[in-house]
Amino acid sequence: MREATSHGERRSVARAPGSEAWRTVRRDAWRIEAFEAQIAYEAAQRRSAIKLKSAVIWGVALGLGVTLFQLWSSATVG
């Protein structure tokens, strides 16, 4: 069964707000939105972990460089 909308388009009465089909569509849409939000959250977590690992690697490399420079400078002065 179909009904006319205010602008002349026809739509299924089964998809009318409040119908079981409408509630099912909305529930599925909410599940999809929640799934997409979960994917976005996990991607942000991965980016954050990569940034942290990168910062740790750069920190270790800088510390090692400073230590080697200090050893080199003390060996050349002494």
Protein backbone atom coordinates (compact mmCIF):
# COMPACT_ATOMS: atom_id res chain seq x y z
CA MET A 1 0.00 0.00 0.00
CA ARG A 2 1.31 3.47 -0.86
CA GLU A 3 0.45 6.99 0.19
CA ALA A 4 1.18 10.38 -1.38
CA THR A 5 3.52 12.76 0.38
CA SER A 6 3.08 16.54 0.50
CA HIS A 7 5.26 17.13 -2.58
CA GLY A 8 3.60 14.53 -4.77
CA GLU A 9 6.07 11.69 -4.25
CA ARG A 10 4.64 8.34 -3.31
CA ARG A 11 6.15 6.23 -0.59
CA SER A 12 5.43 2.94 1.05
CA VAL A 13 3.18 3.10 4.09
CA ALA A 14 5.32 0.33 5.54
CA ARG A 15 8.22 2.82 5.74
CA ALA A 16 6.07 5.45 7.45
CA PRO A 17 7.53 6.70 10.74
CA GLY A 18 6.48 4.47 13.59
CA SER A 19 5.96 1.34 11.50
CA GLU A 20 7.90 -1.83 12.24
CA ALA A 21 9.85 -1.51 8.98
CA TRP A 22 10.76 2.07 9.84
CA ARG A 23 11.97 1.03 13.31
CA THR A 24 14.04 -1.77 11.76
CA VAL A 25 15.64 0.62 9.27
CA ARG A 26 16.45 3.12 12.05
CA ARG A 27 17.84 0.37 14.30
CA ASP A 28 20.06 -0.87 11.46
CA ALA A 29 21.20 2.70 10.75
CA TRP A 30 22.13 3.16 14.42
CA ARG A 31 24.09 -0.08 14.36
CA ILE A 32 25.95 1.03 11.23
CA GLU A 33 26.72 4.42 12.81
CA ALA A 34 28.00 2.71 15.97
CA PHE A 35 30.15 0.37 13.89
CA GLU A 36 31.59 3.29 11.91
CA ALA A 37 32.30 5.16 15.15
CA GLN A 38 34.09 2.09 16.52
CA ILE A 39 36.24 1.86 13.37
CA ALA A 40 37.10 5.57 13.59
CA TYR A 41 38.01 5.18 17.28
CA GLU A 42 40.27 2.20 16.58
CA ALA A 43 41.96 4.06 13.72
CA ALA A 44 42.61 7.02 16.02
CA GLN A 45 44.06 4.65 18.63
CA ARG A 46 46.41 3.16 16.01
CA ARG A 47 47.52 6.62 14.88
CA SER A 48 48.13 7.59 18.50
CA ALA A 49 50.17 4.43 19.14
CA ILE A 50 52.24 5.05 16.01
CA LYS A 51 52.93 8.63 17.10
CA LEU A 52 53.97 7.43 20.56
CA LYS A 53 56.30 4.79 19.13
CA SER A 54 57.80 7.36 16.78
CA ALA A 55 58.38 9.79 19.66
CA VAL A 56 60.05 7.07 21.74
CA ILE A 57 62.32 6.07 18.86
CA TRP A 58 63.31 9.70 18.23
CA GLY A 59 63.94 10.20 21.97
CA VAL A 60 66.16 7.13 22.17
CA ALA A 61 68.04 8.15 19.02
CA LEU A 62 68.58 11.67 20.33
CA GLY A 63 69.74 10.39 23.72
CA LEU A 64 72.14 7.96 22.06
CA GLY A 65 73.45 10.72 19.80
CA VAL A 66 74.07 13.04 22.75
CA THR A 67 75.80 10.25 24.69
CA LEU A 68 78.04 9.38 21.74
CA PHE A 69 78.88 13.05 21.24
CA GLN A 70 79.81 13.40 24.92
CA LEU A 71 82.02 10.30 24.74
CA TRP A 72 83.67 11.57 21.56
CA SER A 73 84.23 15.06 22.96
CA SER A 74 85.67 13.74 26.24
CA ALA A 75 87.99 11.40 24.32
CA THR A 76 89.28 14.17 22.07
CA VAL A 77 89.77 16.72 24.89
CA GLY A 78 91.37 14.30 27.38
